[in-house]
Amino acid sequence: MAYLECNDLAIGYAGKPVANGLTFSVGAADALCIVGENGAGKSTLVKTLLGLLPPVAGTVTFGDGAAAGEVGYLPQRGESQRDFPASAWEVALSGRAARLGLRPFYSRKDRATTEEALSLMGVLPLRGRPFGELSGGQQQRVLLARALASEPKLLVLDEPVTGLDPEAAEQLYDHVDALREKGVCVISVTHDVAGALPRATHVLALSAGSAAFMPAVDWSPAKGAVA
C-alpha cells in the first residue's frame, strides 16, 4: 500500500480551488518532484498534505504505517533563520516535540534519535554551534535532521536548495538520496528541475489549474509549465 494517495484532489482556499484533478500515489523510497509556475498551487498542495488546509474536494489518504500529522517537513529558508536564538542541537531536538505527549522533558530516546539524525546529515560536530552562525548548507542539513528526528516515513521539502551554492545543493541532494535508501519517501517542491529531476522517480506538474502525474523519465518541460 502507498504511504500517500490522493484521489481526484482539488486544493485551494475558502472552498475555491486553485488546482483540480490531482490523482497520484507514492510509497517507500519514492522521490516525487512537484513542479509548476508560480501560482499553480505548489505551496497550497504542500499545506494540504501537511494538514494545514482541508481539501476542497477529493481525498488524501495515508497508509502503510504513514499517518497524517507525522510528515517530516523542511520549509523554505528564510532570513529569520540567521538570527534564530538556539543551538543546532536545540533546533534538531525540537523535531521530537510532537512526540512528547504529556511528558515535560525529552527522553533518552528523543536525544538518541536526534543525535542519529544529526550524524546522518553530517552535522553532529556542529551541535553546540549557534544555528544562526552556520552556513546556508549547514542550516539546511540541521533543519533536515530536525525533520528526520520525528521519524517520518514521508518527508516534504519546500524549495530545499534555494539560496545554496551548487556544492551545498549537491550535498543536500546526496543526503536526501541516503534517506530514500532507508525507505523514506521524499516529496520535493522545487524550481531546481535540473538538479532534482535526475534523482526523482515521479513528477507532478501543476499548470493552469490542472495536474499531470508521470514517471520522471517521461517528463519534460513541454509536459508541464515550469517557472
N, C-alpha and C. Protein backbone atom coordinates (compact mmCIF):
# COMPACT_ATOMS: atom_id res chain seq x y z
N MET A 1 0.84 -1.20 0.00
CA MET A 1 0.00 0.00 0.00
C MET A 1 0.87 1.25 0.00
N ALA A 2 0.41 2.30 -0.62
CA ALA A 2 1.16 3.55 -0.71
C ALA A 2 1.20 4.27 0.64
N TYR A 3 2.27 5.03 0.86
CA TYR A 3 2.33 5.90 2.03
C TYR A 3 1.30 7.02 1.90
N LEU A 4 1.14 7.52 0.68
CA LEU A 4 0.24 8.65 0.43
C LEU A 4 -0.48 8.42 -0.88
N GLU A 5 -1.79 8.62 -0.87
CA GLU A 5 -2.58 8.50 -2.09
C GLU A 5 -3.58 9.65 -2.16
N CYS A 6 -3.55 10.40 -3.24
CA CYS A 6 -4.50 11.48 -3.48
C CYS A 6 -5.39 11.07 -4.66
N ASN A 7 -6.68 11.22 -4.47
CA ASN A 7 -7.64 10.79 -5.50
C ASN A 7 -8.56 11.95 -5.86
N ASP A 8 -8.43 12.41 -7.12
CA ASP A 8 -9.26 13.49 -7.66
C ASP A 8 -9.28 14.69 -6.70
N LEU A 9 -8.11 15.01 -6.19
CA LEU A 9 -7.97 16.06 -5.17
C LEU A 9 -8.06 17.45 -5.80
N ALA A 10 -8.84 18.30 -5.16
CA ALA A 10 -8.87 19.73 -5.51
C ALA A 10 -8.36 20.49 -4.31
N ILE A 11 -7.45 21.44 -4.54
CA ILE A 11 -6.85 22.21 -3.45
C ILE A 11 -7.13 23.69 -3.65
N GLY A 12 -7.22 24.42 -2.53
CA GLY A 12 -7.48 25.85 -2.64
C GLY A 12 -7.80 26.45 -1.29
N TYR A 13 -8.43 27.61 -1.32
CA TYR A 13 -8.74 28.35 -0.10
C TYR A 13 -10.22 28.73 -0.09
N ALA A 14 -10.82 28.63 1.09
CA ALA A 14 -12.22 29.03 1.29
C ALA A 14 -13.13 28.37 0.26
N GLY A 15 -12.84 27.12 -0.06
CA GLY A 15 -13.69 26.40 -0.99
C GLY A 15 -13.47 26.70 -2.45
N LYS A 16 -12.50 27.57 -2.75
CA LYS A 16 -12.23 27.94 -4.14
C LYS A 16 -10.95 27.25 -4.59
N PRO A 17 -11.04 26.34 -5.56
CA PRO A 17 -9.85 25.58 -5.98
C PRO A 17 -8.87 26.39 -6.80
N VAL A 18 -7.58 26.10 -6.59
CA VAL A 18 -6.53 26.65 -7.45
C VAL A 18 -5.97 25.56 -8.36
N ALA A 19 -6.25 24.30 -8.02
CA ALA A 19 -5.85 23.17 -8.87
C ALA A 19 -6.82 22.02 -8.64
N ASN A 20 -7.14 21.32 -9.71
CA ASN A 20 -8.10 20.22 -9.65
C ASN A 20 -7.49 18.94 -10.22
N GLY A 21 -8.14 17.84 -9.93
CA GLY A 21 -7.80 16.58 -10.57
C GLY A 21 -6.46 16.02 -10.22
N LEU A 22 -5.99 16.23 -8.98
CA LEU A 22 -4.70 15.70 -8.56
C LEU A 22 -4.89 14.26 -8.09
N THR A 23 -4.43 13.33 -8.90
CA THR A 23 -4.52 11.91 -8.57
C THR A 23 -3.13 11.29 -8.69
N PHE A 24 -2.59 10.84 -7.57
CA PHE A 24 -1.25 10.25 -7.57
C PHE A 24 -1.04 9.48 -6.27
N SER A 25 -0.03 8.63 -6.27
CA SER A 25 0.32 7.91 -5.05
C SER A 25 1.83 7.71 -5.02
N VAL A 26 2.38 7.67 -3.81
CA VAL A 26 3.82 7.45 -3.60
C VAL A 26 4.02 6.53 -2.41
N GLY A 27 5.13 5.79 -2.45
CA GLY A 27 5.41 4.85 -1.37
C GLY A 27 6.86 4.86 -0.97
N ALA A 28 7.29 3.81 -0.33
CA ALA A 28 8.64 3.73 0.24
C ALA A 28 9.70 3.98 -0.83
N ALA A 29 10.66 4.86 -0.48
CA ALA A 29 11.82 5.18 -1.31
C ALA A 29 11.50 5.93 -2.59
N ASP A 30 10.23 6.32 -2.78
CA ASP A 30 9.90 7.14 -3.95
C ASP A 30 10.41 8.57 -3.76
N ALA A 31 10.61 9.26 -4.87
CA ALA A 31 11.00 10.67 -4.85
C ALA A 31 10.10 11.39 -5.84
N LEU A 32 9.14 12.15 -5.32
CA LEU A 32 8.20 12.90 -6.14
C LEU A 32 8.66 14.34 -6.24
N CYS A 33 8.81 14.82 -7.46
CA CYS A 33 9.21 16.20 -7.72
C CYS A 33 7.97 16.97 -8.19
N ILE A 34 7.58 17.99 -7.46
CA ILE A 34 6.42 18.81 -7.82
C ILE A 34 6.91 20.09 -8.48
N VAL A 35 6.50 20.30 -9.72
CA VAL A 35 6.95 21.47 -10.48
C VAL A 35 5.74 22.25 -10.99
N GLY A 36 5.99 23.49 -11.38
CA GLY A 36 4.91 24.32 -11.91
C GLY A 36 5.24 25.78 -11.76
N GLU A 37 4.57 26.58 -12.54
CA GLU A 37 4.80 28.02 -12.49
C GLU A 37 4.28 28.60 -11.18
N ASN A 38 4.71 29.79 -10.84
CA ASN A 38 4.23 30.46 -9.63
C ASN A 38 2.71 30.63 -9.71
N GLY A 39 2.04 30.31 -8.61
CA GLY A 39 0.58 30.43 -8.57
C GLY A 39 -0.15 29.18 -9.03
N ALA A 40 0.60 28.15 -9.41
CA ALA A 40 -0.05 26.93 -9.91
C ALA A 40 -0.62 26.07 -8.79
N GLY A 41 -0.20 26.33 -7.55
CA GLY A 41 -0.75 25.58 -6.42
C GLY A 41 0.23 24.72 -5.67
N LYS A 42 1.53 24.89 -5.93
CA LYS A 42 2.52 24.03 -5.27
C LYS A 42 2.49 24.20 -3.75
N SER A 43 2.54 25.45 -3.29
CA SER A 43 2.53 25.69 -1.84
C SER A 43 1.20 25.28 -1.22
N THR A 44 0.12 25.48 -1.96
CA THR A 44 -1.20 25.07 -1.46
C THR A 44 -1.27 23.56 -1.30
N LEU A 45 -0.67 22.83 -2.23
CA LEU A 45 -0.64 21.38 -2.13
C LEU A 45 0.16 20.94 -0.91
N VAL A 46 1.30 21.57 -0.68
CA VAL A 46 2.11 21.24 0.50
C VAL A 46 1.30 21.43 1.78
N LYS A 47 0.62 22.57 1.89
CA LYS A 47 -0.18 22.85 3.08
C LYS A 47 -1.30 21.83 3.24
N THR A 48 -1.85 21.37 2.14
CA THR A 48 -2.91 20.36 2.21
C THR A 48 -2.35 19.02 2.67
N LEU A 49 -1.20 18.63 2.14
CA LEU A 49 -0.59 17.36 2.54
C LEU A 49 -0.18 17.37 4.00
N LEU A 50 0.22 18.57 4.51
CA LEU A 50 0.63 18.69 5.90
C LEU A 50 -0.57 18.81 6.85
N GLY A 51 -1.77 18.88 6.28
CA GLY A 51 -2.97 19.00 7.10
C GLY A 51 -3.28 20.41 7.55
N LEU A 52 -2.59 21.40 6.97
CA LEU A 52 -2.82 22.79 7.34
C LEU A 52 -4.01 23.39 6.60
N LEU A 53 -4.38 22.79 5.48
CA LEU A 53 -5.55 23.19 4.71
C LEU A 53 -6.39 21.95 4.42
N PRO A 54 -7.72 22.06 4.47
CA PRO A 54 -8.55 20.92 4.10
C PRO A 54 -8.68 20.84 2.58
N PRO A 55 -8.85 19.66 2.02
CA PRO A 55 -9.10 19.56 0.58
C PRO A 55 -10.40 20.27 0.21
N VAL A 56 -10.41 20.87 -0.96
CA VAL A 56 -11.66 21.45 -1.47
C VAL A 56 -12.57 20.32 -1.94
N ALA A 57 -11.96 19.29 -2.53
CA ALA A 57 -12.70 18.10 -2.96
C ALA A 57 -11.71 16.96 -3.06
N GLY A 58 -12.21 15.74 -3.18
CA GLY A 58 -11.35 14.58 -3.30
C GLY A 58 -10.79 14.15 -1.95
N THR A 59 -9.82 13.25 -1.99
CA THR A 59 -9.31 12.67 -0.75
C THR A 59 -7.79 12.62 -0.71
N VAL A 60 -7.26 12.72 0.52
CA VAL A 60 -5.84 12.48 0.81
C VAL A 60 -5.80 11.34 1.83
N THR A 61 -5.20 10.21 1.45
CA THR A 61 -5.20 9.03 2.30
C THR A 61 -3.78 8.60 2.62
N PHE A 62 -3.49 8.36 3.88
CA PHE A 62 -2.19 7.86 4.32
C PHE A 62 -2.32 6.38 4.65
N GLY A 63 -1.25 5.62 4.39
CA GLY A 63 -1.30 4.20 4.67
C GLY A 63 0.08 3.59 4.84
N ASP A 64 0.12 2.27 5.02
CA ASP A 64 1.36 1.51 5.16
C ASP A 64 2.24 2.04 6.29
N GLY A 65 1.60 2.46 7.38
CA GLY A 65 2.35 2.94 8.53
C GLY A 65 2.57 4.43 8.57
N ALA A 66 2.35 5.12 7.45
CA ALA A 66 2.44 6.58 7.43
C ALA A 66 1.12 7.15 7.94
N ALA A 67 1.19 8.32 8.57
CA ALA A 67 -0.02 8.89 9.15
C ALA A 67 -0.03 10.39 8.98
N ALA A 68 -1.23 10.95 8.83
CA ALA A 68 -1.37 12.39 8.78
C ALA A 68 -0.86 12.99 10.09
N GLY A 69 -0.17 14.10 10.02
CA GLY A 69 0.39 14.72 11.21
C GLY A 69 1.75 14.19 11.57
N GLU A 70 2.23 13.17 10.86
CA GLU A 70 3.55 12.61 11.12
C GLU A 70 4.43 12.71 9.87
N VAL A 71 4.24 13.79 9.15
CA VAL A 71 5.01 14.04 7.93
C VAL A 71 6.17 14.97 8.26
N GLY A 72 7.40 14.56 7.96
CA GLY A 72 8.54 15.44 8.16
C GLY A 72 8.49 16.59 7.17
N TYR A 73 8.93 17.77 7.59
CA TYR A 73 8.80 18.95 6.75
C TYR A 73 10.03 19.82 6.84
N LEU A 74 10.60 20.13 5.68
CA LEU A 74 11.71 21.07 5.59
C LEU A 74 11.20 22.31 4.88
N PRO A 75 10.96 23.42 5.60
CA PRO A 75 10.40 24.62 4.98
C PRO A 75 11.45 25.36 4.16
N GLN A 76 10.97 26.34 3.41
CA GLN A 76 11.89 27.21 2.69
C GLN A 76 12.76 27.97 3.67
N ARG A 77 14.00 28.24 3.25
CA ARG A 77 14.90 29.03 4.08
C ARG A 77 14.41 30.47 4.13
N GLY A 78 14.51 31.08 5.30
CA GLY A 78 14.11 32.46 5.48
C GLY A 78 15.23 33.27 6.11
N GLU A 79 15.16 34.57 5.92
CA GLU A 79 16.16 35.45 6.51
C GLU A 79 16.17 35.35 8.03
N SER A 80 15.00 35.04 8.63
CA SER A 80 14.90 34.99 10.09
C SER A 80 15.78 33.89 10.67
N GLN A 81 16.11 32.89 9.86
CA GLN A 81 16.92 31.79 10.37
C GLN A 81 18.31 32.25 10.78
N ARG A 82 18.78 33.36 10.22
CA ARG A 82 20.12 33.83 10.54
C ARG A 82 20.24 34.24 12.01
N ASP A 83 19.14 34.68 12.60
CA ASP A 83 19.17 35.14 13.98
C ASP A 83 18.40 34.22 14.91
N PHE A 84 18.22 32.96 14.50
CA PHE A 84 17.47 32.01 15.31
C PHE A 84 18.20 31.80 16.62
N PRO A 85 17.56 32.10 17.77
CA PRO A 85 18.26 32.07 19.07
C PRO A 85 18.32 30.69 19.69
N ALA A 86 19.03 29.78 19.05
CA ALA A 86 19.15 28.42 19.58
C ALA A 86 20.37 27.77 18.97
N SER A 87 20.83 26.70 19.60
CA SER A 87 21.95 25.95 19.05
C SER A 87 21.44 24.97 18.00
N ALA A 88 22.36 24.44 17.22
CA ALA A 88 21.98 23.43 16.21
C ALA A 88 21.31 22.24 16.89
N TRP A 89 21.81 21.84 18.05
CA TRP A 89 21.22 20.73 18.80
C TRP A 89 19.78 21.03 19.19
N GLU A 90 19.53 22.22 19.70
CA GLU A 90 18.18 22.57 20.14
C GLU A 90 17.20 22.62 18.97
N VAL A 91 17.67 23.12 17.83
CA VAL A 91 16.81 23.15 16.65
C VAL A 91 16.46 21.74 16.22
N ALA A 92 17.46 20.86 16.14
CA ALA A 92 17.20 19.49 15.72
C ALA A 92 16.32 18.75 16.72
N LEU A 93 16.58 18.93 18.01
CA LEU A 93 15.81 18.24 19.05
C LEU A 93 14.33 18.64 19.02
N SER A 94 14.04 19.86 18.56
CA SER A 94 12.65 20.32 18.51
C SER A 94 11.81 19.47 17.55
N GLY A 95 12.47 18.70 16.68
CA GLY A 95 11.74 17.78 15.83
C GLY A 95 11.04 16.68 16.60
N ARG A 96 11.43 16.46 17.83
CA ARG A 96 10.80 15.43 18.68
C ARG A 96 9.63 15.98 19.47
N ALA A 97 9.36 17.28 19.38
CA ALA A 97 8.34 17.91 20.22
C ALA A 97 6.97 17.26 20.06
N ALA A 98 6.62 16.90 18.83
CA ALA A 98 5.30 16.32 18.60
C ALA A 98 5.13 14.97 19.28
N ARG A 99 6.24 14.33 19.64
CA ARG A 99 6.19 13.02 20.28
C ARG A 99 6.28 13.09 21.81
N LEU A 100 6.33 14.28 22.35
CA LEU A 100 6.43 14.42 23.80
C LEU A 100 5.14 13.99 24.51
N GLY A 101 4.01 14.26 23.88
CA GLY A 101 2.75 13.95 24.54
C GLY A 101 2.61 14.78 25.81
N LEU A 102 2.36 14.10 26.91
CA LEU A 102 2.21 14.79 28.20
C LEU A 102 3.53 14.88 28.97
N ARG A 103 4.60 14.34 28.37
CA ARG A 103 5.90 14.38 29.04
C ARG A 103 6.46 15.80 29.02
N PRO A 104 6.97 16.31 30.14
CA PRO A 104 7.52 17.67 30.18
C PRO A 104 8.95 17.76 29.67
N PHE A 105 9.64 16.61 29.55
CA PHE A 105 11.05 16.63 29.16
C PHE A 105 11.31 15.63 28.04
N TYR A 106 12.36 15.90 27.28
CA TYR A 106 12.78 14.97 26.24
C TYR A 106 13.39 13.72 26.89
N SER A 107 13.09 12.58 26.32
CA SER A 107 13.58 11.32 26.87
C SER A 107 14.94 10.96 26.29
N ARG A 108 15.51 9.88 26.81
CA ARG A 108 16.77 9.37 26.28
C ARG A 108 16.61 8.98 24.81
N LYS A 109 15.46 8.40 24.47
CA LYS A 109 15.20 8.04 23.07
C LYS A 109 15.13 9.28 22.19
N ASP A 110 14.48 10.34 22.68
CA ASP A 110 14.40 11.58 21.91
C ASP A 110 15.80 12.09 21.58
N ARG A 111 16.67 12.08 22.56
CA ARG A 111 18.02 12.60 22.38
C ARG A 111 18.85 11.68 21.48
N ALA A 112 18.68 10.38 21.63
CA ALA A 112 19.43 9.43 20.81
C ALA A 112 18.99 9.54 19.35
N THR A 113 17.68 9.68 19.13
CA THR A 113 17.16 9.80 17.77
C THR A 113 17.65 11.09 17.11
N THR A 114 17.69 12.17 17.88
CA THR A 114 18.18 13.44 17.35
C THR A 114 19.66 13.36 17.02
N GLU A 115 20.42 12.74 17.89
CA GLU A 115 21.86 12.59 17.64
C GLU A 115 22.10 11.76 16.38
N GLU A 116 21.31 10.72 16.19
CA GLU A 116 21.45 9.89 14.99
C GLU A 116 21.12 10.69 13.73
N ALA A 117 20.09 11.53 13.81
CA ALA A 117 19.70 12.35 12.66
C ALA A 117 20.79 13.35 12.31
N LEU A 118 21.36 14.00 13.30
CA LEU A 118 22.45 14.95 13.06
C LEU A 118 23.67 14.25 12.48
N SER A 119 23.93 13.04 12.97
CA SER A 119 25.06 12.28 12.46
C SER A 119 24.84 11.88 11.01
N LEU A 120 23.62 11.45 10.69
CA LEU A 120 23.30 11.05 9.33
C LEU A 120 23.46 12.22 8.36
N MET A 121 23.14 13.42 8.83
CA MET A 121 23.26 14.61 7.99
C MET A 121 24.67 15.20 8.01
N GLY A 122 25.57 14.59 8.78
CA GLY A 122 26.96 15.04 8.80
C GLY A 122 27.20 16.33 9.56
N VAL A 123 26.31 16.68 10.49
CA VAL A 123 26.46 17.94 11.23
C VAL A 123 26.50 17.73 12.74
N LEU A 124 26.71 16.50 13.19
CA LEU A 124 26.79 16.26 14.63
C LEU A 124 27.90 17.09 15.29
N PRO A 125 29.07 17.28 14.65
CA PRO A 125 30.11 18.10 15.28
C PRO A 125 29.69 19.56 15.49
N LEU A 126 28.61 19.98 14.83
CA LEU A 126 28.15 21.37 14.94
C LEU A 126 27.05 21.53 15.98
N ARG A 127 26.77 20.50 16.75
CA ARG A 127 25.61 20.50 17.64
C ARG A 127 25.61 21.66 18.63
N GLY A 128 26.78 22.10 19.08
CA GLY A 128 26.84 23.18 20.06
C GLY A 128 26.91 24.57 19.46
N ARG A 129 26.99 24.67 18.14
CA ARG A 129 27.13 25.97 17.48
C ARG A 129 25.79 26.70 17.42
N PRO A 130 25.78 28.03 17.57
CA PRO A 130 24.54 28.79 17.36
C PRO A 130 24.04 28.57 15.94
N PHE A 131 22.77 28.27 15.80
CA PHE A 131 22.20 27.96 14.49
C PHE A 131 22.41 29.11 13.51
N GLY A 132 22.25 30.34 13.99
CA GLY A 132 22.35 31.50 13.11
C GLY A 132 23.75 31.74 12.56
N GLU A 133 24.76 31.10 13.16
CA GLU A 133 26.13 31.29 12.69
C GLU A 133 26.54 30.25 11.65
N LEU A 134 25.68 29.28 11.38
CA LEU A 134 26.00 28.24 10.41
C LEU A 134 25.83 28.75 8.99
N SER A 135 26.52 28.11 8.06
CA SER A 135 26.34 28.46 6.65
C SER A 135 24.96 27.99 6.19
N GLY A 136 24.55 28.47 5.00
CA GLY A 136 23.25 28.08 4.49
C GLY A 136 23.11 26.58 4.33
N GLY A 137 24.14 25.92 3.80
CA GLY A 137 24.09 24.48 3.64
C GLY A 137 24.03 23.75 4.96
N GLN A 138 24.78 24.24 5.96
CA GLN A 138 24.76 23.62 7.28
C GLN A 138 23.39 23.79 7.94
N GLN A 139 22.79 24.97 7.78
CA GLN A 139 21.47 25.20 8.33
C GLN A 139 20.44 24.24 7.72
N GLN A 140 20.51 24.06 6.40
CA GLN A 140 19.57 23.16 5.75
C GLN A 140 19.73 21.73 6.25
N ARG A 141 20.97 21.31 6.50
CA ARG A 141 21.18 19.95 6.98
C ARG A 141 20.71 19.79 8.43
N VAL A 142 20.85 20.84 9.24
CA VAL A 142 20.31 20.79 10.61
C VAL A 142 18.79 20.73 10.57
N LEU A 143 18.18 21.53 9.69
CA LEU A 143 16.72 21.51 9.58
C LEU A 143 16.23 20.17 9.03
N LEU A 144 17.01 19.57 8.15
CA LEU A 144 16.66 18.25 7.65
C LEU A 144 16.77 17.23 8.78
N ALA A 145 17.79 17.37 9.63
CA ALA A 145 17.92 16.49 10.80
C ALA A 145 16.73 16.67 11.73
N ARG A 146 16.25 17.90 11.89
CA ARG A 146 15.05 18.13 12.72
C ARG A 146 13.85 17.38 12.15
N ALA A 147 13.68 17.45 10.83
CA ALA A 147 12.57 16.73 10.21
C ALA A 147 12.73 15.22 10.40
N LEU A 148 13.95 14.73 10.29
CA LEU A 148 14.20 13.29 10.44
C LEU A 148 14.01 12.83 11.88
N ALA A 149 14.28 13.71 12.84
CA ALA A 149 14.15 13.34 14.24
C ALA A 149 12.72 12.93 14.59
N SER A 150 11.76 13.39 13.80
CA SER A 150 10.37 13.00 14.04
C SER A 150 10.07 11.60 13.52
N GLU A 151 11.08 10.96 12.90
CA GLU A 151 10.97 9.60 12.37
C GLU A 151 9.83 9.46 11.36
N PRO A 152 9.83 10.32 10.34
CA PRO A 152 8.74 10.26 9.36
C PRO A 152 8.98 9.18 8.31
N LYS A 153 7.90 8.70 7.72
CA LYS A 153 8.01 7.87 6.53
C LYS A 153 7.88 8.74 5.28
N LEU A 154 7.26 9.91 5.45
CA LEU A 154 7.10 10.88 4.38
C LEU A 154 7.84 12.15 4.75
N LEU A 155 8.62 12.68 3.82
CA LEU A 155 9.37 13.90 4.06
C LEU A 155 9.07 14.89 2.94
N VAL A 156 8.55 16.06 3.30
CA VAL A 156 8.21 17.10 2.33
C VAL A 156 9.25 18.20 2.38
N LEU A 157 9.87 18.50 1.24
CA LEU A 157 10.89 19.53 1.13
C LEU A 157 10.36 20.67 0.26
N ASP A 158 10.36 21.88 0.81
CA ASP A 158 9.84 23.04 0.08
C ASP A 158 11.02 23.90 -0.38
N GLU A 159 11.32 23.85 -1.67
CA GLU A 159 12.45 24.58 -2.26
C GLU A 159 13.72 24.37 -1.42
N PRO A 160 14.17 23.13 -1.28
CA PRO A 160 15.25 22.81 -0.34
C PRO A 160 16.62 23.40 -0.68
N VAL A 161 16.89 23.73 -1.94
CA VAL A 161 18.23 24.22 -2.29
C VAL A 161 18.25 25.70 -2.64
N THR A 162 17.13 26.40 -2.44
CA THR A 162 17.10 27.83 -2.70
C THR A 162 18.12 28.55 -1.83
N GLY A 163 18.98 29.36 -2.45
CA GLY A 163 19.97 30.12 -1.71
C GLY A 163 21.26 29.36 -1.44
N LEU A 164 21.34 28.11 -1.84
CA LEU A 164 22.56 27.32 -1.62
C LEU A 164 23.45 27.39 -2.86
N ASP A 165 24.76 27.34 -2.63
CA ASP A 165 25.67 27.27 -3.77
C ASP A 165 25.60 25.87 -4.35
N PRO A 166 26.09 25.67 -5.59
CA PRO A 166 25.96 24.36 -6.25
C PRO A 166 26.52 23.20 -5.43
N GLU A 167 27.65 23.41 -4.75
CA GLU A 167 28.25 22.32 -3.97
C GLU A 167 27.36 21.93 -2.79
N ALA A 168 26.84 22.94 -2.09
CA ALA A 168 25.96 22.67 -0.95
C ALA A 168 24.66 22.00 -1.40
N ALA A 169 24.15 22.44 -2.55
CA ALA A 169 22.92 21.84 -3.09
C ALA A 169 23.14 20.37 -3.43
N GLU A 170 24.28 20.07 -4.05
CA GLU A 170 24.58 18.68 -4.41
C GLU A 170 24.71 17.82 -3.16
N GLN A 171 25.33 18.36 -2.12
CA GLN A 171 25.47 17.61 -0.87
C GLN A 171 24.11 17.33 -0.24
N LEU A 172 23.22 18.33 -0.31
CA LEU A 172 21.89 18.13 0.26
C LEU A 172 21.13 17.04 -0.51
N TYR A 173 21.23 17.07 -1.83
CA TYR A 173 20.60 16.02 -2.62
C TYR A 173 21.16 14.64 -2.27
N ASP A 174 22.47 14.56 -2.04
CA ASP A 174 23.09 13.29 -1.67
C ASP A 174 22.52 12.78 -0.35
N HIS A 175 22.33 13.69 0.61
CA HIS A 175 21.78 13.30 1.90
C HIS A 175 20.34 12.80 1.75
N VAL A 176 19.58 13.47 0.90
CA VAL A 176 18.20 13.05 0.67
C VAL A 176 18.17 11.66 0.04
N ASP A 177 19.08 11.41 -0.90
CA ASP A 177 19.17 10.08 -1.51
C ASP A 177 19.45 9.01 -0.45
N ALA A 178 20.28 9.36 0.53
CA ALA A 178 20.60 8.41 1.60
C ALA A 178 19.36 8.09 2.43
N LEU A 179 18.49 9.05 2.60
CA LEU A 179 17.25 8.82 3.34
C LEU A 179 16.33 7.87 2.58
N ARG A 180 16.27 8.04 1.28
CA ARG A 180 15.43 7.16 0.46
C ARG A 180 15.91 5.72 0.54
N GLU A 181 17.22 5.54 0.67
CA GLU A 181 17.75 4.18 0.81
C GLU A 181 17.26 3.53 2.10
N LYS A 182 16.83 4.34 3.05
CA LYS A 182 16.28 3.83 4.31
C LYS A 182 14.76 3.68 4.24
N GLY A 183 14.19 3.91 3.06
CA GLY A 183 12.75 3.72 2.88
C GLY A 183 11.91 4.97 3.02
N VAL A 184 12.54 6.12 3.26
CA VAL A 184 11.79 7.37 3.38
C VAL A 184 11.31 7.81 2.00
N CYS A 185 10.06 8.21 1.92
CA CYS A 185 9.50 8.77 0.68
C CYS A 185 9.67 10.28 0.73
N VAL A 186 10.23 10.85 -0.33
CA VAL A 186 10.55 12.27 -0.36
C VAL A 186 9.69 12.99 -1.40
N ILE A 187 9.03 14.05 -0.99
CA ILE A 187 8.25 14.89 -1.89
C ILE A 187 8.89 16.27 -1.90
N SER A 188 9.35 16.71 -3.07
CA SER A 188 10.07 17.97 -3.18
C SER A 188 9.32 18.95 -4.07
N VAL A 189 9.11 20.15 -3.56
CA VAL A 189 8.61 21.26 -4.37
C VAL A 189 9.82 22.08 -4.76
N THR A 190 10.06 22.24 -6.06
CA THR A 190 11.31 22.88 -6.45
C THR A 190 11.22 23.57 -7.81
N HIS A 191 12.03 24.62 -7.94
CA HIS A 191 12.27 25.23 -9.24
C HIS A 191 13.58 24.71 -9.83
N ASP A 192 14.35 23.98 -9.02
CA ASP A 192 15.63 23.45 -9.48
C ASP A 192 15.40 22.12 -10.20
N VAL A 193 14.75 22.20 -11.35
CA VAL A 193 14.40 20.99 -12.08
C VAL A 193 15.66 20.25 -12.52
N ALA A 194 16.68 20.98 -12.98
CA ALA A 194 17.90 20.35 -13.48
C ALA A 194 18.57 19.51 -12.39
N GLY A 195 18.54 19.98 -11.13
CA GLY A 195 19.17 19.24 -10.05
C GLY A 195 18.30 18.14 -9.49
N ALA A 196 16.98 18.37 -9.42
CA ALA A 196 16.08 17.43 -8.76
C ALA A 196 15.60 16.31 -9.67
N LEU A 197 15.38 16.62 -10.95
CA LEU A 197 14.75 15.65 -11.84
C LEU A 197 15.55 14.35 -12.00
N PRO A 198 16.89 14.40 -12.13
CA PRO A 198 17.63 13.14 -12.30
C PRO A 198 17.51 12.20 -11.10
N ARG A 199 17.14 12.73 -9.94
CA ARG A 199 17.03 11.91 -8.73
C ARG A 199 15.59 11.53 -8.43
N ALA A 200 14.64 12.02 -9.22
CA ALA A 200 13.22 11.78 -8.96
C ALA A 200 12.76 10.47 -9.59
N THR A 201 11.76 9.87 -8.97
CA THR A 201 11.10 8.70 -9.56
C THR A 201 9.82 9.10 -10.28
N HIS A 202 9.18 10.19 -9.80
CA HIS A 202 7.94 10.66 -10.39
C HIS A 202 7.91 12.18 -10.42
N VAL A 203 7.08 12.73 -11.28
CA VAL A 203 6.89 14.18 -11.38
C VAL A 203 5.39 14.47 -11.33
N LEU A 204 5.03 15.48 -10.56
CA LEU A 204 3.68 16.02 -10.56
C LEU A 204 3.79 17.45 -11.08
N ALA A 205 3.30 17.69 -12.29
CA ALA A 205 3.40 19.01 -12.92
C ALA A 205 2.06 19.73 -12.81
N LEU A 206 2.09 20.89 -12.15
CA LEU A 206 0.88 21.71 -11.99
C LEU A 206 0.90 22.84 -12.99
N SER A 207 -0.22 23.05 -13.66
CA SER A 207 -0.29 24.10 -14.67
C SER A 207 -1.73 24.43 -14.98
N ALA A 208 -2.05 25.74 -14.93
CA ALA A 208 -3.38 26.23 -15.35
C ALA A 208 -4.52 25.50 -14.66
N GLY A 209 -4.36 25.26 -13.35
CA GLY A 209 -5.43 24.67 -12.57
C GLY A 209 -5.55 23.17 -12.65
N SER A 210 -4.71 22.52 -13.45
CA SER A 210 -4.77 21.07 -13.60
C SER A 210 -3.44 20.45 -13.21
N ALA A 211 -3.34 19.12 -13.30
CA ALA A 211 -2.13 18.44 -12.89
C ALA A 211 -1.89 17.22 -13.77
N ALA A 212 -0.60 16.88 -13.94
CA ALA A 212 -0.22 15.68 -14.66
C ALA A 212 0.81 14.93 -13.83
N PHE A 213 0.57 13.65 -13.59
CA PHE A 213 1.46 12.81 -12.79
C PHE A 213 2.03 11.74 -13.69
N MET A 214 3.36 11.54 -13.63
CA MET A 214 4.00 10.59 -14.53
C MET A 214 5.35 10.18 -13.97
N PRO A 215 5.90 9.07 -14.48
CA PRO A 215 7.28 8.71 -14.12
C PRO A 215 8.23 9.82 -14.55
N ALA A 216 9.27 10.03 -13.78
CA ALA A 216 10.20 11.12 -14.07
C ALA A 216 10.84 10.99 -15.45
N VAL A 217 11.07 9.76 -15.88
CA VAL A 217 11.72 9.56 -17.18
C VAL A 217 10.84 9.98 -18.33
N ASP A 218 9.53 10.13 -18.09
CA ASP A 218 8.60 10.50 -19.15
C ASP A 218 8.32 12.00 -19.20
N TRP A 219 8.88 12.74 -18.24
CA TRP A 219 8.52 14.17 -18.15
C TRP A 219 9.56 15.04 -18.85
N SER A 220 9.07 16.12 -19.43
CA SER A 220 9.93 17.16 -19.99
C SER A 220 9.22 18.48 -19.77
N PRO A 221 9.94 19.62 -19.81
CA PRO A 221 9.28 20.91 -19.61
C PRO A 221 8.08 21.15 -20.52
N ALA A 222 8.06 20.52 -21.67
CA ALA A 222 6.94 20.69 -22.59
C ALA A 222 5.64 20.07 -22.05
N LYS A 223 5.79 19.17 -21.05
CA LYS A 223 4.61 18.50 -20.50
C LYS A 223 4.09 19.17 -19.23
N GLY A 224 4.65 20.25 -18.86
CA GLY A 224 4.18 20.96 -17.67
C GLY A 224 4.94 22.25 -17.51
N ALA A 225 4.23 23.31 -17.15
CA ALA A 225 4.88 24.61 -17.04
C ALA A 225 5.84 24.65 -15.87
N VAL A 226 6.97 25.29 -16.08
CA VAL A 226 7.96 25.48 -15.03
C VAL A 226 8.36 26.94 -15.01
N ALA A 227 8.34 27.56 -13.81
CA ALA A 227 8.70 28.97 -13.72
C ALA A 227 10.19 29.12 -13.95
